[in-house]
């Protein structure tokens, strides 16, 4: 059965505004830009691996150079990445571990470990299990995939430092909140916890003034 998808930020904001009086200033004070879910699941996961633990600018430069490896050659497909020379991939700025992770993803898609054709119909839990079975993909990457590639509405990445910081700032906490504290507080936001996570990222980035 297909999980909740983000159909409209307006609809989500209306629900959150009515469900939780405390977050009304946040909803009124920040505009979120809705983007269409990505359709190329393979490329999306590769991008996530490249962007891990790097600044946006550095990651984009490496990602762009990686894409250029295929500009005058064969298409960027799992099979072609499996054949791609390891050192050539390293030459665009990828670490050894990231090259291995990307090749692991390519093999998983090529071998059918990832049910590419039907993934959109899987539950959040089942998508997480499929993705995390690939070495190099952890819970955070799987959650980002659910939120931004599949457009799922009820993902709340309590392990994300940006979400933690935004939560701390907005609720005027002395320390970063525990995961359990965040999960308990988030229950009222179901089924739009993905939207709240996006708001907390904005808070952490300084887009909200109390």
N, C-alpha and C. Protein backbone atom coordinates (compact mmCIF):
# COMPACT_ATOMS: atom_id res chain seq x y z
N UNK A 1 0.84 -1.20 0.00
CA UNK A 1 0.00 0.00 0.00
C UNK A 1 0.88 1.25 0.00
N UNK A 2 0.54 2.21 -0.84
CA UNK A 2 1.34 3.42 -0.95
C UNK A 2 1.15 4.30 0.28
N UNK A 3 2.24 4.83 0.80
CA UNK A 3 2.21 5.68 1.97
C UNK A 3 1.75 7.09 1.60
N UNK A 4 1.54 7.92 2.65
CA UNK A 4 1.15 9.30 2.43
C UNK A 4 2.20 10.03 1.62
N UNK A 5 1.75 10.79 0.64
CA UNK A 5 2.65 11.59 -0.18
C UNK A 5 2.31 13.06 0.02
N UNK A 6 3.31 13.91 -0.16
CA UNK A 6 3.10 15.34 -0.04
C UNK A 6 2.40 15.82 -1.30
N UNK A 7 1.13 16.10 -1.18
CA UNK A 7 0.37 16.56 -2.35
C UNK A 7 0.38 18.08 -2.43
N UNK A 8 0.25 18.73 -1.29
CA UNK A 8 0.17 20.19 -1.28
C UNK A 8 0.72 20.74 0.03
N UNK A 9 1.67 21.66 -0.06
CA UNK A 9 2.18 22.31 1.14
C UNK A 9 1.10 23.17 1.79
N UNK A 10 0.20 23.71 0.99
CA UNK A 10 -0.91 24.52 1.52
C UNK A 10 -1.79 23.65 2.41
N UNK A 11 -2.09 22.46 1.94
CA UNK A 11 -2.91 21.52 2.71
C UNK A 11 -2.19 21.11 3.99
N UNK A 12 -0.89 20.86 3.89
CA UNK A 12 -0.10 20.47 5.05
C UNK A 12 -0.04 21.60 6.08
N UNK A 13 0.21 22.81 5.59
CA UNK A 13 0.29 23.96 6.50
C UNK A 13 -1.04 24.18 7.23
N UNK A 14 -2.12 24.02 6.52
CA UNK A 14 -3.45 24.20 7.14
C UNK A 14 -3.66 23.18 8.25
N UNK A 15 -3.28 21.94 7.98
CA UNK A 15 -3.42 20.90 8.99
C UNK A 15 -2.56 21.21 10.22
N UNK A 16 -1.28 21.55 10.00
CA UNK A 16 -0.36 21.82 11.10
C UNK A 16 -0.78 23.05 11.89
N UNK A 17 -1.27 24.06 11.19
CA UNK A 17 -1.72 25.30 11.82
C UNK A 17 -2.86 25.01 12.80
N UNK A 18 -3.77 24.14 12.41
CA UNK A 18 -4.92 23.82 13.24
C UNK A 18 -4.61 22.77 14.31
N UNK A 19 -3.61 21.93 14.02
CA UNK A 19 -3.29 20.83 14.94
C UNK A 19 -2.44 21.28 16.13
N UNK A 20 -1.61 22.29 15.92
CA UNK A 20 -0.63 22.66 16.95
C UNK A 20 -0.49 24.18 17.02
N UNK A 21 -1.13 24.78 18.03
CA UNK A 21 -1.10 26.25 18.16
C UNK A 21 0.33 26.77 18.31
N UNK A 22 1.18 25.99 18.93
CA UNK A 22 2.53 26.45 19.24
C UNK A 22 3.38 26.69 18.00
N UNK A 23 3.09 25.98 16.91
CA UNK A 23 3.92 26.13 15.72
C UNK A 23 3.33 27.13 14.72
N UNK A 24 2.25 27.77 15.06
CA UNK A 24 1.65 28.74 14.14
C UNK A 24 2.61 29.86 13.73
N UNK A 25 3.39 30.44 14.66
CA UNK A 25 4.35 31.48 14.24
C UNK A 25 5.36 30.97 13.21
N UNK A 26 5.73 29.71 13.33
CA UNK A 26 6.68 29.11 12.39
C UNK A 26 6.07 29.01 11.00
N UNK A 27 4.84 28.57 10.94
CA UNK A 27 4.16 28.41 9.65
C UNK A 27 3.89 29.77 9.01
N UNK A 28 3.55 30.75 9.84
CA UNK A 28 3.30 32.10 9.33
C UNK A 28 4.58 32.82 8.93
N UNK A 29 5.71 32.44 9.55
CA UNK A 29 6.95 33.18 9.36
C UNK A 29 7.88 32.66 8.28
N UNK A 30 7.62 31.45 7.77
CA UNK A 30 8.52 30.85 6.78
C UNK A 30 7.72 30.33 5.60
N UNK A 31 8.23 30.58 4.41
CA UNK A 31 7.62 30.03 3.20
C UNK A 31 8.48 28.87 2.71
N UNK A 32 7.87 27.70 2.59
CA UNK A 32 8.58 26.55 2.05
C UNK A 32 8.29 26.41 0.56
N UNK A 33 9.31 26.10 -0.20
CA UNK A 33 9.13 25.90 -1.64
C UNK A 33 8.94 24.41 -1.91
N UNK A 34 7.81 24.06 -2.47
CA UNK A 34 7.54 22.65 -2.78
C UNK A 34 8.19 22.29 -4.11
N UNK A 35 8.86 21.15 -4.12
CA UNK A 35 9.46 20.68 -5.36
C UNK A 35 8.90 19.31 -5.71
N UNK A 36 8.90 19.02 -6.99
CA UNK A 36 8.35 17.75 -7.44
C UNK A 36 9.27 16.61 -7.05
N UNK A 37 8.70 15.48 -6.65
CA UNK A 37 9.52 14.31 -6.35
C UNK A 37 10.34 13.89 -7.56
N UNK A 38 11.56 13.42 -7.32
CA UNK A 38 12.40 12.96 -8.42
C UNK A 38 11.93 11.61 -8.93
N UNK A 39 12.18 11.35 -10.18
CA UNK A 39 11.78 10.08 -10.79
C UNK A 39 12.95 9.13 -11.02
N UNK A 40 14.16 9.68 -11.10
CA UNK A 40 15.33 8.84 -11.32
C UNK A 40 15.89 8.41 -9.97
N UNK A 41 15.41 7.27 -9.48
CA UNK A 41 15.80 6.81 -8.15
C UNK A 41 17.29 6.51 -8.06
N UNK A 42 17.83 5.95 -9.11
CA UNK A 42 19.24 5.59 -9.13
C UNK A 42 20.13 6.83 -9.00
N UNK A 43 19.86 7.83 -9.82
CA UNK A 43 20.65 9.06 -9.77
C UNK A 43 20.48 9.76 -8.43
N UNK A 44 19.29 9.74 -7.89
CA UNK A 44 19.02 10.37 -6.61
C UNK A 44 19.88 9.77 -5.49
N UNK A 45 20.00 8.46 -5.47
CA UNK A 45 20.81 7.81 -4.44
C UNK A 45 22.30 8.09 -4.62
N UNK A 46 22.74 8.12 -5.87
CA UNK A 46 24.14 8.47 -6.14
C UNK A 46 24.44 9.88 -5.65
N UNK A 47 23.53 10.80 -5.94
CA UNK A 47 23.71 12.17 -5.48
C UNK A 47 23.80 12.23 -3.95
N UNK A 48 22.95 11.48 -3.28
CA UNK A 48 22.96 11.46 -1.82
C UNK A 48 24.30 10.98 -1.27
N UNK A 49 24.85 9.96 -1.89
CA UNK A 49 26.15 9.44 -1.45
C UNK A 49 27.23 10.50 -1.65
N UNK A 50 27.23 11.14 -2.80
CA UNK A 50 28.25 12.16 -3.10
C UNK A 50 28.15 13.32 -2.12
N UNK A 51 26.94 13.69 -1.74
CA UNK A 51 26.72 14.86 -0.88
C UNK A 51 26.98 14.57 0.60
N UNK A 52 27.10 13.31 0.97
CA UNK A 52 27.30 12.97 2.38
C UNK A 52 28.54 13.65 2.95
N UNK A 53 28.36 14.33 4.09
CA UNK A 53 29.46 14.91 4.88
C UNK A 53 30.29 15.93 4.11
N UNK A 54 29.68 16.58 3.12
CA UNK A 54 30.36 17.65 2.38
C UNK A 54 29.49 18.89 2.36
N UNK A 55 30.12 20.04 2.17
CA UNK A 55 29.35 21.26 1.97
C UNK A 55 28.63 21.17 0.63
N UNK A 56 27.54 21.89 0.50
CA UNK A 56 26.78 21.84 -0.73
C UNK A 56 27.60 22.21 -1.96
N UNK A 57 28.44 23.22 -1.81
CA UNK A 57 29.24 23.70 -2.93
C UNK A 57 30.25 22.65 -3.38
N UNK A 58 30.96 22.05 -2.43
CA UNK A 58 31.96 21.04 -2.77
C UNK A 58 31.30 19.81 -3.38
N UNK A 59 30.18 19.39 -2.78
CA UNK A 59 29.48 18.21 -3.28
C UNK A 59 28.97 18.42 -4.70
N UNK A 60 28.45 19.60 -4.96
CA UNK A 60 27.91 19.88 -6.30
C UNK A 60 29.03 19.82 -7.34
N UNK A 61 30.20 20.35 -6.99
CA UNK A 61 31.33 20.33 -7.93
C UNK A 61 31.73 18.90 -8.26
N UNK A 62 31.78 18.03 -7.25
CA UNK A 62 32.14 16.63 -7.48
C UNK A 62 31.04 15.93 -8.29
N UNK A 63 29.80 16.20 -7.93
CA UNK A 63 28.68 15.58 -8.64
C UNK A 63 28.68 15.98 -10.11
N UNK A 64 28.92 17.25 -10.39
CA UNK A 64 28.95 17.73 -11.78
C UNK A 64 30.08 17.07 -12.56
N UNK A 65 31.24 16.92 -11.92
CA UNK A 65 32.36 16.25 -12.60
C UNK A 65 32.05 14.78 -12.83
N UNK A 66 31.37 14.17 -11.89
CA UNK A 66 30.99 12.77 -12.04
C UNK A 66 30.05 12.58 -13.23
N UNK A 67 29.08 13.46 -13.36
CA UNK A 67 28.12 13.39 -14.46
C UNK A 67 28.82 13.55 -15.80
N UNK A 68 29.87 14.38 -15.82
CA UNK A 68 30.61 14.62 -17.07
C UNK A 68 31.33 13.36 -17.56
N UNK A 69 31.56 12.41 -16.68
CA UNK A 69 32.20 11.16 -17.10
C UNK A 69 31.34 10.43 -18.13
N UNK A 70 30.05 10.78 -18.15
CA UNK A 70 29.13 10.10 -19.06
C UNK A 70 28.66 11.00 -20.21
N UNK A 71 29.21 12.21 -20.30
CA UNK A 71 28.72 13.17 -21.29
C UNK A 71 28.94 12.73 -22.73
N UNK A 72 30.10 12.11 -22.99
CA UNK A 72 30.39 11.69 -24.36
C UNK A 72 30.49 10.18 -24.50
N UNK A 73 29.98 9.49 -23.52
CA UNK A 73 30.10 8.03 -23.53
C UNK A 73 28.72 7.41 -23.37
N UNK A 74 28.68 6.27 -22.74
CA UNK A 74 27.41 5.59 -22.52
C UNK A 74 26.62 6.30 -21.42
N UNK A 75 25.35 5.96 -21.34
CA UNK A 75 24.48 6.60 -20.36
C UNK A 75 24.84 6.17 -18.94
N UNK A 76 24.40 7.02 -17.98
CA UNK A 76 24.63 6.72 -16.58
C UNK A 76 23.60 5.66 -16.15
N UNK A 77 24.00 4.42 -16.20
CA UNK A 77 23.15 3.31 -15.81
C UNK A 77 23.89 2.44 -14.80
N UNK A 78 23.16 1.62 -14.03
CA UNK A 78 23.85 0.73 -13.09
C UNK A 78 24.93 -0.12 -13.74
N UNK A 79 24.62 -0.71 -14.88
CA UNK A 79 25.57 -1.58 -15.56
C UNK A 79 26.84 -0.83 -15.98
N UNK A 80 26.66 0.40 -16.48
CA UNK A 80 27.82 1.19 -16.93
C UNK A 80 28.67 1.67 -15.76
N UNK A 81 28.04 1.96 -14.63
CA UNK A 81 28.83 2.36 -13.46
C UNK A 81 29.61 1.17 -12.92
N UNK A 82 29.02 -0.01 -12.97
CA UNK A 82 29.74 -1.21 -12.52
C UNK A 82 31.01 -1.43 -13.35
N UNK A 83 30.96 -1.05 -14.62
CA UNK A 83 32.11 -1.23 -15.52
C UNK A 83 33.11 -0.09 -15.42
N UNK A 84 32.71 1.04 -14.83
CA UNK A 84 33.55 2.24 -14.81
C UNK A 84 34.80 2.02 -13.96
N UNK A 85 35.93 2.48 -14.47
CA UNK A 85 37.21 2.33 -13.78
C UNK A 85 37.20 3.02 -12.42
N UNK A 86 37.67 2.29 -11.42
CA UNK A 86 37.69 2.80 -10.04
C UNK A 86 38.46 4.10 -9.93
N UNK A 87 39.66 4.14 -10.49
CA UNK A 87 40.51 5.33 -10.37
C UNK A 87 39.95 6.51 -11.16
N UNK A 88 39.24 6.23 -12.24
CA UNK A 88 38.60 7.31 -12.99
C UNK A 88 37.53 7.97 -12.13
N UNK A 89 36.79 7.16 -11.40
CA UNK A 89 35.78 7.71 -10.49
C UNK A 89 36.45 8.50 -9.37
N UNK A 90 37.58 8.00 -8.88
CA UNK A 90 38.32 8.72 -7.83
C UNK A 90 38.81 10.07 -8.33
N UNK A 91 39.10 10.17 -9.63
CA UNK A 91 39.70 11.38 -10.19
C UNK A 91 38.77 12.59 -10.14
N UNK A 92 37.47 12.37 -9.98
CA UNK A 92 36.54 13.51 -9.92
C UNK A 92 36.40 14.05 -8.51
N UNK A 93 37.08 13.41 -7.55
CA UNK A 93 37.05 13.90 -6.18
C UNK A 93 36.34 12.99 -5.19
N UNK A 94 35.95 11.80 -5.65
CA UNK A 94 35.26 10.86 -4.77
C UNK A 94 36.27 10.11 -3.90
N UNK A 95 35.91 9.90 -2.64
CA UNK A 95 36.74 9.08 -1.76
C UNK A 95 36.61 7.61 -2.18
N UNK A 96 37.54 6.79 -1.72
CA UNK A 96 37.48 5.37 -2.04
C UNK A 96 36.17 4.75 -1.54
N UNK A 97 35.77 5.13 -0.33
CA UNK A 97 34.55 4.55 0.23
C UNK A 97 33.32 4.95 -0.59
N UNK A 98 33.28 6.20 -1.07
CA UNK A 98 32.12 6.64 -1.85
C UNK A 98 32.08 5.96 -3.22
N UNK A 99 33.24 5.71 -3.80
CA UNK A 99 33.26 4.96 -5.06
C UNK A 99 32.68 3.57 -4.83
N UNK A 100 33.09 2.94 -3.73
CA UNK A 100 32.56 1.60 -3.42
C UNK A 100 31.06 1.64 -3.17
N UNK A 101 30.60 2.66 -2.46
CA UNK A 101 29.18 2.78 -2.16
C UNK A 101 28.36 2.95 -3.45
N UNK A 102 28.87 3.79 -4.35
CA UNK A 102 28.16 4.01 -5.62
C UNK A 102 28.11 2.72 -6.43
N UNK A 103 29.22 1.99 -6.43
CA UNK A 103 29.23 0.71 -7.15
C UNK A 103 28.29 -0.30 -6.48
N UNK A 104 28.19 -0.25 -5.14
CA UNK A 104 27.26 -1.12 -4.42
C UNK A 104 25.82 -0.83 -4.84
N UNK A 105 25.49 0.47 -4.97
CA UNK A 105 24.14 0.86 -5.38
C UNK A 105 23.87 0.37 -6.80
N UNK A 106 24.86 0.55 -7.67
CA UNK A 106 24.71 0.10 -9.06
C UNK A 106 24.45 -1.41 -9.11
N UNK A 107 25.20 -2.16 -8.32
CA UNK A 107 25.02 -3.61 -8.30
C UNK A 107 23.64 -4.00 -7.77
N UNK A 108 23.19 -3.29 -6.74
CA UNK A 108 21.88 -3.59 -6.16
C UNK A 108 20.76 -3.36 -7.17
N UNK A 109 20.87 -2.27 -7.93
CA UNK A 109 19.86 -1.99 -8.96
C UNK A 109 19.97 -3.02 -10.09
N UNK A 110 21.19 -3.34 -10.49
CA UNK A 110 21.39 -4.27 -11.58
C UNK A 110 20.90 -5.68 -11.23
N UNK A 111 21.09 -6.08 -9.95
CA UNK A 111 20.74 -7.43 -9.51
C UNK A 111 19.28 -7.54 -9.05
N UNK A 112 18.57 -6.42 -9.06
CA UNK A 112 17.16 -6.46 -8.67
C UNK A 112 16.91 -6.43 -7.18
N UNK A 113 17.95 -6.12 -6.40
CA UNK A 113 17.76 -5.99 -4.95
C UNK A 113 16.82 -4.82 -4.66
N UNK A 114 16.94 -3.76 -5.46
CA UNK A 114 16.02 -2.64 -5.39
C UNK A 114 14.92 -2.85 -6.43
N UNK A 115 13.69 -2.93 -5.98
CA UNK A 115 12.56 -3.14 -6.88
C UNK A 115 12.17 -1.80 -7.50
N UNK A 116 13.00 -1.37 -8.45
CA UNK A 116 12.90 -0.04 -9.05
C UNK A 116 11.50 0.27 -9.57
N UNK A 117 10.89 -0.68 -10.25
CA UNK A 117 9.61 -0.43 -10.91
C UNK A 117 8.46 -0.21 -9.92
N UNK A 118 8.56 -0.87 -8.75
CA UNK A 118 7.43 -0.84 -7.81
C UNK A 118 7.74 -0.12 -6.50
N UNK A 119 8.93 0.48 -6.42
CA UNK A 119 9.37 1.07 -5.15
C UNK A 119 8.39 2.11 -4.62
N UNK A 120 7.77 2.85 -5.50
CA UNK A 120 6.85 3.91 -5.09
C UNK A 120 5.64 3.36 -4.32
N UNK A 121 5.32 2.10 -4.55
CA UNK A 121 4.15 1.51 -3.89
C UNK A 121 4.50 0.88 -2.54
N UNK A 122 5.78 0.81 -2.21
CA UNK A 122 6.21 0.20 -0.96
C UNK A 122 5.95 1.14 0.23
N UNK A 123 5.78 0.55 1.39
CA UNK A 123 5.63 1.34 2.62
C UNK A 123 6.97 2.02 2.95
N UNK A 124 6.92 3.05 3.78
CA UNK A 124 8.15 3.72 4.21
C UNK A 124 9.11 2.71 4.82
N UNK A 125 8.59 1.85 5.67
CA UNK A 125 9.42 0.85 6.36
C UNK A 125 10.09 -0.08 5.35
N UNK A 126 9.34 -0.54 4.36
CA UNK A 126 9.90 -1.48 3.38
C UNK A 126 10.94 -0.81 2.48
N UNK A 127 10.71 0.46 2.14
CA UNK A 127 11.70 1.20 1.36
C UNK A 127 12.98 1.33 2.17
N UNK A 128 12.84 1.69 3.44
CA UNK A 128 14.02 1.82 4.32
C UNK A 128 14.80 0.52 4.36
N UNK A 129 14.10 -0.60 4.51
CA UNK A 129 14.77 -1.89 4.62
C UNK A 129 15.52 -2.24 3.34
N UNK A 130 14.90 -1.97 2.20
CA UNK A 130 15.58 -2.25 0.93
C UNK A 130 16.84 -1.42 0.79
N UNK A 131 16.73 -0.14 1.07
CA UNK A 131 17.87 0.75 0.86
C UNK A 131 19.01 0.48 1.85
N UNK A 132 18.66 0.27 3.11
CA UNK A 132 19.69 0.08 4.13
C UNK A 132 20.42 -1.25 3.95
N UNK A 133 19.84 -2.15 3.18
CA UNK A 133 20.53 -3.42 2.90
C UNK A 133 21.76 -3.22 2.02
N UNK A 134 21.88 -2.04 1.41
CA UNK A 134 23.03 -1.72 0.55
C UNK A 134 24.10 -1.04 1.40
N UNK A 135 25.30 -1.59 1.40
CA UNK A 135 26.39 -0.99 2.18
C UNK A 135 26.69 0.41 1.65
N UNK A 136 26.64 1.39 2.55
CA UNK A 136 26.87 2.78 2.17
C UNK A 136 25.63 3.63 2.34
N UNK A 137 24.47 2.98 2.40
CA UNK A 137 23.22 3.70 2.62
C UNK A 137 22.76 3.45 4.05
N UNK A 138 22.71 4.51 4.83
CA UNK A 138 22.26 4.41 6.20
C UNK A 138 20.86 5.00 6.35
N UNK A 139 20.36 5.04 7.58
CA UNK A 139 19.01 5.55 7.83
C UNK A 139 18.79 6.97 7.31
N UNK A 140 19.79 7.85 7.49
CA UNK A 140 19.61 9.25 7.06
C UNK A 140 19.43 9.33 5.55
N UNK A 141 20.28 8.65 4.80
CA UNK A 141 20.16 8.68 3.34
C UNK A 141 18.82 8.11 2.89
N UNK A 142 18.39 7.03 3.54
CA UNK A 142 17.10 6.42 3.20
C UNK A 142 15.95 7.39 3.51
N UNK A 143 16.05 8.10 4.61
CA UNK A 143 15.00 9.06 4.98
C UNK A 143 14.95 10.23 3.99
N UNK A 144 16.13 10.70 3.57
CA UNK A 144 16.15 11.79 2.58
C UNK A 144 15.54 11.32 1.26
N UNK A 145 15.80 10.07 0.91
CA UNK A 145 15.22 9.49 -0.31
C UNK A 145 13.70 9.46 -0.20
N UNK A 146 13.20 9.04 0.94
CA UNK A 146 11.75 8.98 1.15
C UNK A 146 11.13 10.37 1.06
N UNK A 147 11.78 11.36 1.65
CA UNK A 147 11.23 12.71 1.68
C UNK A 147 11.29 13.39 0.31
N UNK A 148 12.46 13.37 -0.30
CA UNK A 148 12.69 14.22 -1.46
C UNK A 148 12.62 13.50 -2.81
N UNK A 149 12.76 12.19 -2.80
CA UNK A 149 12.64 11.45 -4.05
C UNK A 149 11.25 10.85 -4.20
N UNK A 150 10.75 10.23 -3.14
CA UNK A 150 9.41 9.65 -3.19
C UNK A 150 8.34 10.62 -2.71
N UNK A 151 8.76 11.73 -2.09
CA UNK A 151 7.79 12.75 -1.66
C UNK A 151 6.89 12.29 -0.52
N UNK A 152 7.43 11.46 0.38
CA UNK A 152 6.63 10.97 1.49
C UNK A 152 6.43 12.06 2.54
N UNK A 153 5.25 12.10 3.12
CA UNK A 153 4.87 13.24 3.96
C UNK A 153 5.17 13.08 5.44
N UNK A 154 5.42 11.85 5.90
CA UNK A 154 5.49 11.64 7.36
C UNK A 154 6.83 11.08 7.82
N UNK A 155 7.92 11.64 7.28
CA UNK A 155 9.26 11.24 7.69
C UNK A 155 9.83 12.30 8.64
N UNK A 156 10.31 11.87 9.80
CA UNK A 156 10.86 12.83 10.76
C UNK A 156 12.26 12.37 11.18
N UNK A 157 13.30 12.88 10.50
CA UNK A 157 14.67 12.41 10.74
C UNK A 157 15.28 12.99 12.01
N UNK A 158 14.97 12.34 13.14
CA UNK A 158 15.42 12.86 14.44
C UNK A 158 16.94 12.79 14.61
N UNK A 159 17.61 12.02 13.76
CA UNK A 159 19.06 11.94 13.83
C UNK A 159 19.78 13.02 13.04
N UNK A 160 19.02 13.85 12.34
CA UNK A 160 19.61 14.92 11.52
C UNK A 160 19.94 16.12 12.40
N UNK A 161 21.19 16.58 12.35
CA UNK A 161 21.63 17.66 13.22
C UNK A 161 20.88 18.96 12.94
N UNK A 162 20.57 19.22 11.67
CA UNK A 162 19.84 20.44 11.33
C UNK A 162 18.45 20.46 11.93
N UNK A 163 17.77 19.33 11.87
CA UNK A 163 16.43 19.22 12.46
C UNK A 163 16.52 19.37 13.98
N UNK A 164 17.54 18.76 14.57
CA UNK A 164 17.74 18.88 16.01
C UNK A 164 17.97 20.34 16.42
N UNK A 165 18.83 21.03 15.67
CA UNK A 165 19.14 22.43 15.98
C UNK A 165 17.91 23.31 15.83
N UNK A 166 17.16 23.11 14.73
CA UNK A 166 15.96 23.89 14.53
C UNK A 166 14.94 23.68 15.61
N UNK A 167 14.78 22.44 16.04
CA UNK A 167 13.87 22.09 17.13
C UNK A 167 14.30 22.79 18.41
N UNK A 168 15.58 22.74 18.71
CA UNK A 168 16.14 23.36 19.92
C UNK A 168 15.90 24.87 19.92
N UNK A 169 16.19 25.50 18.80
CA UNK A 169 16.04 26.96 18.70
C UNK A 169 14.58 27.37 18.83
N UNK A 170 13.72 26.69 18.08
CA UNK A 170 12.31 27.09 18.07
C UNK A 170 11.65 26.91 19.43
N UNK A 171 11.98 25.82 20.12
CA UNK A 171 11.35 25.56 21.42
C UNK A 171 12.18 26.08 22.59
N UNK A 172 13.21 26.89 22.30
CA UNK A 172 14.02 27.55 23.32
C UNK A 172 14.59 26.56 24.35
N UNK A 173 15.18 25.49 23.85
CA UNK A 173 15.78 24.50 24.74
C UNK A 173 17.24 24.86 25.02
N UNK A 174 17.74 24.45 26.16
CA UNK A 174 19.13 24.72 26.51
C UNK A 174 20.09 23.81 25.74
N UNK A 175 19.66 22.58 25.52
CA UNK A 175 20.50 21.60 24.83
C UNK A 175 19.75 20.99 23.66
N UNK A 176 20.49 20.30 22.81
CA UNK A 176 19.84 19.59 21.72
C UNK A 176 18.87 18.56 22.29
N UNK A 177 17.71 18.43 21.71
CA UNK A 177 16.71 17.49 22.23
C UNK A 177 17.11 16.04 22.00
N UNK A 178 16.63 15.17 22.85
CA UNK A 178 16.84 13.74 22.63
C UNK A 178 15.93 13.28 21.49
N UNK A 179 16.27 12.17 20.89
CA UNK A 179 15.43 11.63 19.82
C UNK A 179 14.04 11.31 20.34
N UNK A 180 13.98 10.79 21.56
CA UNK A 180 12.69 10.43 22.14
C UNK A 180 11.82 11.66 22.37
N UNK A 181 12.44 12.74 22.83
CA UNK A 181 11.71 14.00 23.03
C UNK A 181 11.13 14.49 21.71
N UNK A 182 11.92 14.42 20.65
CA UNK A 182 11.46 14.88 19.34
C UNK A 182 10.33 14.00 18.81
N UNK A 183 10.47 12.70 18.98
CA UNK A 183 9.45 11.79 18.49
C UNK A 183 8.12 11.99 19.22
N UNK A 184 8.19 12.16 20.54
CA UNK A 184 6.97 12.37 21.31
C UNK A 184 6.28 13.67 20.91
N UNK A 185 7.08 14.72 20.71
CA UNK A 185 6.50 16.02 20.33
C UNK A 185 5.94 15.98 18.91
N UNK A 186 6.50 15.12 18.09
CA UNK A 186 6.12 15.08 16.68
C UNK A 186 4.80 14.37 16.41
N UNK A 187 4.29 13.64 17.39
CA UNK A 187 3.09 12.85 17.16
C UNK A 187 1.91 13.72 16.68
N UNK A 188 1.82 14.92 17.20
CA UNK A 188 0.72 15.81 16.84
C UNK A 188 0.80 16.27 15.39
N UNK A 189 1.98 16.16 14.78
CA UNK A 189 2.18 16.63 13.41
C UNK A 189 1.89 15.57 12.35
N UNK A 190 1.66 14.32 12.76
CA UNK A 190 1.32 13.29 11.78
C UNK A 190 0.06 13.69 11.02
N UNK A 191 -0.03 13.47 9.72
CA UNK A 191 0.91 12.76 8.84
C UNK A 191 1.80 13.71 8.04
N UNK A 192 2.19 14.85 8.65
CA UNK A 192 2.99 15.84 7.91
C UNK A 192 4.30 16.17 8.63
N UNK A 193 4.92 15.15 9.19
CA UNK A 193 6.17 15.42 9.91
C UNK A 193 7.32 15.78 8.97
N UNK A 194 7.25 15.36 7.71
CA UNK A 194 8.28 15.78 6.75
C UNK A 194 8.29 17.29 6.61
N UNK A 195 7.11 17.87 6.59
CA UNK A 195 7.00 19.32 6.45
C UNK A 195 7.60 20.02 7.66
N UNK A 196 7.34 19.49 8.85
CA UNK A 196 7.90 20.09 10.06
C UNK A 196 9.43 20.00 10.06
N UNK A 197 9.96 18.89 9.56
CA UNK A 197 11.42 18.76 9.46
C UNK A 197 11.98 19.86 8.57
N UNK A 198 11.29 20.14 7.47
CA UNK A 198 11.73 21.20 6.55
C UNK A 198 11.70 22.57 7.25
N UNK A 199 10.68 22.78 8.06
CA UNK A 199 10.62 24.04 8.82
C UNK A 199 11.79 24.14 9.79
N UNK A 200 12.12 23.06 10.46
CA UNK A 200 13.22 23.11 11.42
C UNK A 200 14.56 23.32 10.73
N UNK A 201 14.74 22.79 9.52
CA UNK A 201 15.96 23.10 8.77
C UNK A 201 16.06 24.59 8.50
N UNK A 202 14.95 25.20 8.16
CA UNK A 202 14.94 26.64 7.90
C UNK A 202 15.28 27.43 9.17
N UNK A 203 14.74 26.99 10.30
CA UNK A 203 15.04 27.64 11.58
C UNK A 203 16.53 27.55 11.87
N UNK A 204 17.08 26.37 11.67
CA UNK A 204 18.51 26.15 11.93
C UNK A 204 19.39 27.04 11.03
N UNK A 205 18.90 27.33 9.84
CA UNK A 205 19.63 28.17 8.88
C UNK A 205 19.39 29.66 9.10
N UNK A 206 18.61 30.01 10.11
CA UNK A 206 18.42 31.42 10.45
C UNK A 206 17.30 32.13 9.73
N UNK A 207 16.36 31.38 9.16
CA UNK A 207 15.26 32.00 8.42
C UNK A 207 14.07 32.36 9.27
N UNK A 208 14.16 32.13 10.58
CA UNK A 208 13.03 32.42 11.46
C UNK A 208 13.50 33.21 12.67
N UNK A 209 12.80 34.31 12.95
CA UNK A 209 13.12 35.13 14.11
C UNK A 209 11.92 35.12 15.05
N UNK A 210 12.19 34.74 16.29
CA UNK A 210 11.11 34.67 17.28
C UNK A 210 10.65 36.06 17.67
